[in-house]
N, C-alpha and C. Protein backbone atom coordinates (compact mmCIF):
# COMPACT_ATOMS: atom_id res chain seq x y z
N MET A 1 0.84 -1.18 0.00
CA MET A 1 0.00 0.00 0.00
C MET A 1 0.88 1.24 0.00
N ILE A 2 0.33 2.31 -0.53
CA ILE A 2 0.98 3.62 -0.47
C ILE A 2 0.07 4.52 0.36
N VAL A 3 0.68 5.23 1.29
CA VAL A 3 -0.05 6.21 2.08
C VAL A 3 0.60 7.57 1.85
N ALA A 4 -0.21 8.55 1.51
CA ALA A 4 0.22 9.94 1.45
C ALA A 4 -0.38 10.61 2.67
N PHE A 5 0.46 11.25 3.47
CA PHE A 5 -0.09 11.90 4.66
C PHE A 5 0.59 13.22 4.93
N SER A 6 -0.12 14.03 5.70
CA SER A 6 0.35 15.35 6.10
C SER A 6 -0.03 15.56 7.55
N VAL A 7 0.88 16.08 8.34
CA VAL A 7 0.59 16.40 9.73
C VAL A 7 0.82 17.88 9.97
N GLN A 8 -0.02 18.46 10.83
CA GLN A 8 0.13 19.88 11.15
C GLN A 8 -0.26 20.11 12.60
N PRO A 9 0.73 20.40 13.45
CA PRO A 9 0.40 20.72 14.83
C PRO A 9 -0.06 22.17 14.95
N THR A 10 -0.89 22.43 15.94
CA THR A 10 -1.31 23.80 16.25
C THR A 10 -1.23 23.99 17.76
N GLY A 11 -1.20 25.22 18.18
CA GLY A 11 -1.14 25.55 19.60
C GLY A 11 0.28 25.51 20.12
N GLU A 12 0.39 25.72 21.40
CA GLU A 12 1.69 25.70 22.06
C GLU A 12 2.22 24.28 22.13
N PRO A 13 3.54 24.09 22.08
CA PRO A 13 4.10 22.74 22.16
C PRO A 13 3.63 21.99 23.41
N SER A 14 3.24 20.74 23.22
CA SER A 14 2.83 19.91 24.35
C SER A 14 4.03 19.39 25.12
N ASP A 15 5.19 19.39 24.49
CA ASP A 15 6.43 18.98 25.13
C ASP A 15 7.10 20.23 25.70
N PRO A 16 7.11 20.37 27.04
CA PRO A 16 7.66 21.60 27.63
C PRO A 16 9.17 21.76 27.43
N THR A 17 9.86 20.71 27.05
CA THR A 17 11.30 20.81 26.82
C THR A 17 11.63 21.25 25.40
N LEU A 18 10.61 21.31 24.56
CA LEU A 18 10.82 21.63 23.15
C LEU A 18 10.98 23.13 22.95
N VAL A 19 12.01 23.50 22.23
CA VAL A 19 12.22 24.89 21.84
C VAL A 19 12.15 24.95 20.33
N ARG A 20 11.17 25.70 19.82
CA ARG A 20 11.02 25.82 18.37
C ARG A 20 12.07 26.75 17.82
N GLU A 21 12.70 26.35 16.74
CA GLU A 21 13.69 27.19 16.08
C GLU A 21 13.17 27.56 14.70
N LEU A 22 12.66 28.77 14.60
CA LEU A 22 12.08 29.24 13.34
C LEU A 22 13.17 29.82 12.45
N ALA A 23 13.14 29.45 11.21
CA ALA A 23 14.12 29.95 10.23
C ALA A 23 13.85 31.42 9.94
N ASP A 24 14.85 32.10 9.42
CA ASP A 24 14.69 33.50 9.02
C ASP A 24 13.50 33.63 8.09
N GLY A 25 12.65 34.60 8.36
CA GLY A 25 11.49 34.84 7.51
C GLY A 25 10.27 34.02 7.89
N SER A 26 10.42 33.07 8.82
CA SER A 26 9.28 32.25 9.25
C SER A 26 8.53 32.97 10.35
N ASP A 27 7.24 32.69 10.44
CA ASP A 27 6.47 33.25 11.55
C ASP A 27 6.00 32.11 12.45
N ALA A 28 5.27 32.43 13.48
CA ALA A 28 4.85 31.44 14.47
C ALA A 28 3.93 30.37 13.86
N ALA A 29 3.33 30.67 12.71
CA ALA A 29 2.45 29.69 12.06
C ALA A 29 3.23 28.62 11.30
N SER A 30 4.51 28.83 11.12
CA SER A 30 5.33 27.87 10.38
C SER A 30 5.41 26.55 11.14
N VAL A 31 5.29 25.45 10.40
CA VAL A 31 5.36 24.12 11.02
C VAL A 31 6.50 23.29 10.44
N HIS A 32 7.46 23.94 9.78
CA HIS A 32 8.53 23.18 9.13
C HIS A 32 9.35 22.36 10.12
N ASP A 33 9.53 22.84 11.32
CA ASP A 33 10.32 22.08 12.30
C ASP A 33 9.59 20.81 12.71
N ALA A 34 8.29 20.90 12.91
CA ALA A 34 7.48 19.74 13.27
C ALA A 34 7.42 18.75 12.11
N VAL A 35 7.25 19.27 10.90
CA VAL A 35 7.19 18.40 9.73
C VAL A 35 8.52 17.69 9.53
N ALA A 36 9.62 18.41 9.72
CA ALA A 36 10.94 17.79 9.58
C ALA A 36 11.11 16.66 10.60
N ALA A 37 10.63 16.85 11.81
CA ALA A 37 10.72 15.81 12.83
C ALA A 37 9.91 14.58 12.41
N ALA A 38 8.74 14.80 11.84
CA ALA A 38 7.90 13.69 11.38
C ALA A 38 8.54 12.98 10.18
N VAL A 39 9.08 13.75 9.24
CA VAL A 39 9.72 13.16 8.06
C VAL A 39 10.95 12.35 8.47
N ARG A 40 11.65 12.81 9.47
CA ARG A 40 12.82 12.06 9.96
C ARG A 40 12.40 10.65 10.41
N ILE A 41 11.28 10.56 11.11
CA ILE A 41 10.74 9.26 11.55
C ILE A 41 10.45 8.38 10.33
N VAL A 42 9.82 8.96 9.33
CA VAL A 42 9.47 8.22 8.11
C VAL A 42 10.73 7.71 7.41
N ARG A 43 11.69 8.58 7.22
CA ARG A 43 12.91 8.19 6.50
C ARG A 43 13.71 7.14 7.27
N GLU A 44 13.72 7.24 8.58
CA GLU A 44 14.45 6.26 9.38
C GLU A 44 13.77 4.88 9.40
N SER A 45 12.53 4.81 8.92
CA SER A 45 11.80 3.54 8.89
C SER A 45 12.42 2.55 7.91
N GLY A 46 13.12 3.06 6.90
CA GLY A 46 13.70 2.20 5.88
C GLY A 46 12.73 1.83 4.77
N LEU A 47 11.48 2.25 4.87
CA LEU A 47 10.50 1.98 3.82
C LEU A 47 10.68 2.99 2.69
N PRO A 48 10.24 2.63 1.47
CA PRO A 48 10.30 3.60 0.37
C PRO A 48 9.46 4.82 0.71
N THR A 49 10.00 6.00 0.47
CA THR A 49 9.32 7.23 0.84
C THR A 49 9.66 8.36 -0.13
N ARG A 50 8.78 9.33 -0.18
CA ARG A 50 9.00 10.52 -0.99
C ARG A 50 8.30 11.67 -0.26
N THR A 51 8.96 12.82 -0.21
CA THR A 51 8.37 13.99 0.43
C THR A 51 8.25 15.11 -0.59
N SER A 52 7.08 15.73 -0.62
CA SER A 52 6.86 16.90 -1.47
C SER A 52 6.48 18.07 -0.57
N SER A 53 6.13 19.17 -1.17
CA SER A 53 5.81 20.36 -0.38
C SER A 53 4.54 20.20 0.45
N MET A 54 3.69 19.25 0.10
CA MET A 54 2.41 19.10 0.79
C MET A 54 2.23 17.77 1.52
N PHE A 55 2.85 16.71 1.04
CA PHE A 55 2.62 15.38 1.60
C PHE A 55 3.92 14.58 1.68
N THR A 56 3.90 13.58 2.52
CA THR A 56 4.93 12.56 2.54
C THR A 56 4.25 11.26 2.16
N GLU A 57 4.85 10.52 1.23
CA GLU A 57 4.33 9.23 0.80
C GLU A 57 5.23 8.14 1.35
N ILE A 58 4.62 7.05 1.73
CA ILE A 58 5.36 5.91 2.25
C ILE A 58 4.71 4.64 1.72
N GLU A 59 5.54 3.64 1.36
CA GLU A 59 5.03 2.41 0.78
C GLU A 59 5.46 1.21 1.61
N GLY A 60 4.54 0.28 1.81
CA GLY A 60 4.84 -0.94 2.53
C GLY A 60 3.56 -1.69 2.87
N GLU A 61 3.69 -2.62 3.80
CA GLU A 61 2.52 -3.38 4.26
C GLU A 61 1.71 -2.53 5.24
N TRP A 62 0.42 -2.82 5.32
CA TRP A 62 -0.52 -2.05 6.14
C TRP A 62 0.03 -1.76 7.54
N GLY A 63 0.39 -2.78 8.27
CA GLY A 63 0.82 -2.61 9.65
C GLY A 63 2.07 -1.76 9.79
N GLU A 64 3.05 -1.99 8.93
CA GLU A 64 4.30 -1.24 9.06
C GLU A 64 4.12 0.21 8.64
N VAL A 65 3.33 0.46 7.60
CA VAL A 65 3.09 1.84 7.16
C VAL A 65 2.31 2.61 8.22
N MET A 66 1.25 2.02 8.74
CA MET A 66 0.43 2.72 9.72
C MET A 66 1.19 2.97 11.02
N GLU A 67 2.08 2.08 11.38
CA GLU A 67 2.91 2.28 12.57
C GLU A 67 3.84 3.49 12.37
N VAL A 68 4.41 3.62 11.19
CA VAL A 68 5.28 4.76 10.91
C VAL A 68 4.46 6.05 10.92
N VAL A 69 3.28 6.04 10.33
CA VAL A 69 2.41 7.22 10.33
C VAL A 69 2.06 7.59 11.77
N ARG A 70 1.74 6.61 12.59
CA ARG A 70 1.41 6.87 14.00
C ARG A 70 2.59 7.55 14.70
N ARG A 71 3.77 6.98 14.54
CA ARG A 71 4.95 7.52 15.21
C ARG A 71 5.29 8.93 14.71
N ALA A 72 5.17 9.14 13.40
CA ALA A 72 5.45 10.47 12.83
C ALA A 72 4.44 11.50 13.34
N THR A 73 3.18 11.10 13.45
CA THR A 73 2.14 11.99 13.95
C THR A 73 2.39 12.34 15.42
N GLU A 74 2.77 11.36 16.20
CA GLU A 74 3.09 11.62 17.61
C GLU A 74 4.28 12.56 17.74
N GLU A 75 5.28 12.39 16.90
CA GLU A 75 6.45 13.26 16.94
C GLU A 75 6.07 14.70 16.59
N ALA A 76 5.27 14.87 15.55
CA ALA A 76 4.81 16.22 15.18
C ALA A 76 3.94 16.80 16.29
N GLY A 77 3.21 15.95 16.97
CA GLY A 77 2.33 16.39 18.05
C GLY A 77 3.06 17.03 19.22
N ARG A 78 4.33 16.73 19.37
CA ARG A 78 5.12 17.36 20.43
C ARG A 78 5.22 18.87 20.21
N TYR A 79 5.04 19.32 18.97
CA TYR A 79 5.19 20.72 18.61
C TYR A 79 3.90 21.52 18.76
N GLY A 80 2.85 20.91 19.25
CA GLY A 80 1.58 21.61 19.43
C GLY A 80 0.72 20.91 20.46
N SER A 81 -0.40 21.54 20.79
CA SER A 81 -1.34 20.94 21.73
C SER A 81 -2.39 20.12 21.00
N ARG A 82 -2.36 20.21 19.67
CA ARG A 82 -3.31 19.49 18.83
C ARG A 82 -2.62 19.22 17.50
N VAL A 83 -2.97 18.12 16.84
CA VAL A 83 -2.37 17.83 15.55
C VAL A 83 -3.44 17.37 14.57
N SER A 84 -3.35 17.89 13.35
CA SER A 84 -4.26 17.49 12.28
C SER A 84 -3.52 16.51 11.38
N LEU A 85 -4.17 15.39 11.06
CA LEU A 85 -3.60 14.38 10.18
C LEU A 85 -4.51 14.20 8.98
N VAL A 86 -3.94 14.39 7.79
CA VAL A 86 -4.65 14.12 6.54
C VAL A 86 -3.97 12.91 5.93
N LEU A 87 -4.76 11.90 5.56
CA LEU A 87 -4.20 10.64 5.07
C LEU A 87 -5.00 10.14 3.88
N LYS A 88 -4.29 9.72 2.85
CA LYS A 88 -4.91 9.08 1.69
C LYS A 88 -4.14 7.81 1.41
N ALA A 89 -4.85 6.71 1.18
CA ALA A 89 -4.18 5.42 0.98
C ALA A 89 -4.60 4.78 -0.33
N ASP A 90 -3.63 4.16 -1.00
CA ASP A 90 -3.87 3.34 -2.19
C ASP A 90 -3.54 1.91 -1.76
N ILE A 91 -4.58 1.13 -1.55
CA ILE A 91 -4.42 -0.24 -1.04
C ILE A 91 -4.58 -1.18 -2.22
N ARG A 92 -3.46 -1.80 -2.62
CA ARG A 92 -3.45 -2.66 -3.80
C ARG A 92 -2.62 -3.89 -3.49
N PRO A 93 -3.22 -4.90 -2.87
CA PRO A 93 -2.48 -6.10 -2.48
C PRO A 93 -1.75 -6.74 -3.67
N GLY A 94 -0.55 -7.22 -3.37
CA GLY A 94 0.24 -7.92 -4.38
C GLY A 94 1.09 -7.03 -5.25
N HIS A 95 1.08 -5.73 -5.01
CA HIS A 95 1.88 -4.80 -5.81
C HIS A 95 2.92 -4.13 -4.93
N GLU A 96 4.15 -4.07 -5.45
CA GLU A 96 5.25 -3.39 -4.77
C GLU A 96 5.91 -2.45 -5.75
N GLY A 97 6.65 -1.50 -5.24
CA GLY A 97 7.38 -0.57 -6.11
C GLY A 97 6.50 0.43 -6.81
N GLU A 98 5.30 0.62 -6.31
CA GLU A 98 4.36 1.52 -6.98
C GLU A 98 4.62 2.98 -6.68
N LEU A 99 5.38 3.27 -5.65
CA LEU A 99 5.72 4.66 -5.36
C LEU A 99 6.42 5.28 -6.58
N ASP A 100 7.29 4.52 -7.20
CA ASP A 100 7.95 4.96 -8.43
C ASP A 100 7.22 4.48 -9.67
N GLY A 101 6.65 3.29 -9.62
CA GLY A 101 6.00 2.70 -10.78
C GLY A 101 4.87 3.53 -11.34
N LYS A 102 4.05 4.10 -10.46
CA LYS A 102 2.93 4.93 -10.91
C LYS A 102 3.44 6.16 -11.67
N VAL A 103 4.47 6.79 -11.15
CA VAL A 103 5.03 7.99 -11.78
C VAL A 103 5.67 7.62 -13.12
N GLN A 104 6.38 6.52 -13.17
CA GLN A 104 7.02 6.09 -14.42
C GLN A 104 6.00 5.84 -15.52
N ARG A 105 4.87 5.22 -15.17
CA ARG A 105 3.84 4.96 -16.18
C ARG A 105 3.24 6.26 -16.72
N ILE A 106 3.08 7.25 -15.86
CA ILE A 106 2.57 8.55 -16.31
C ILE A 106 3.57 9.21 -17.25
N GLU A 107 4.85 9.16 -16.86
CA GLU A 107 5.89 9.76 -17.69
C GLU A 107 5.98 9.06 -19.06
N GLN A 108 5.77 7.76 -19.11
CA GLN A 108 5.77 7.05 -20.39
C GLN A 108 4.64 7.56 -21.28
N VAL A 109 3.48 7.74 -20.71
CA VAL A 109 2.34 8.23 -21.48
C VAL A 109 2.62 9.65 -21.99
N LEU A 110 3.30 10.44 -21.18
CA LEU A 110 3.60 11.82 -21.56
C LEU A 110 4.78 11.91 -22.52
N GLY A 111 5.48 10.77 -22.72
CA GLY A 111 6.58 10.73 -23.67
C GLY A 111 7.89 11.24 -23.13
N GLY A 112 7.99 11.35 -21.82
CA GLY A 112 9.23 11.83 -21.23
C GLY A 112 9.79 10.79 -20.28
N SER A 113 10.72 11.22 -19.50
CA SER A 113 11.25 10.36 -18.46
C SER A 113 11.05 11.06 -17.14
N GLU A 114 11.11 10.29 -16.07
CA GLU A 114 10.88 10.85 -14.74
C GLU A 114 11.91 11.92 -14.44
N ALA A 115 11.44 13.06 -13.97
CA ALA A 115 12.33 14.18 -13.65
C ALA A 115 12.98 13.99 -12.30
């Protein structure tokens, strides 16, 4: 399965030891630090993954993918008193490598190669 998900904490950090470090030009609404913490969890999982400006995609078996999403959401949750999780799943038993395979098939139809 492939899961595309996005997490966004709001409110004051629930972890009192956490100090937010906002980059130059960022305001208090920025969540890049929380998202980076969540993406770190995903990447350390060892599962195939891709991150874009809006979502992180992860591919694997149901249990392992959902466990990583849970852990990433909990990590992002440290940065706020509440967290919003948006999740979309493509559940296709018996298929692997679709994180790249789907994009490659689109690029073939368009007559190009994956960028």
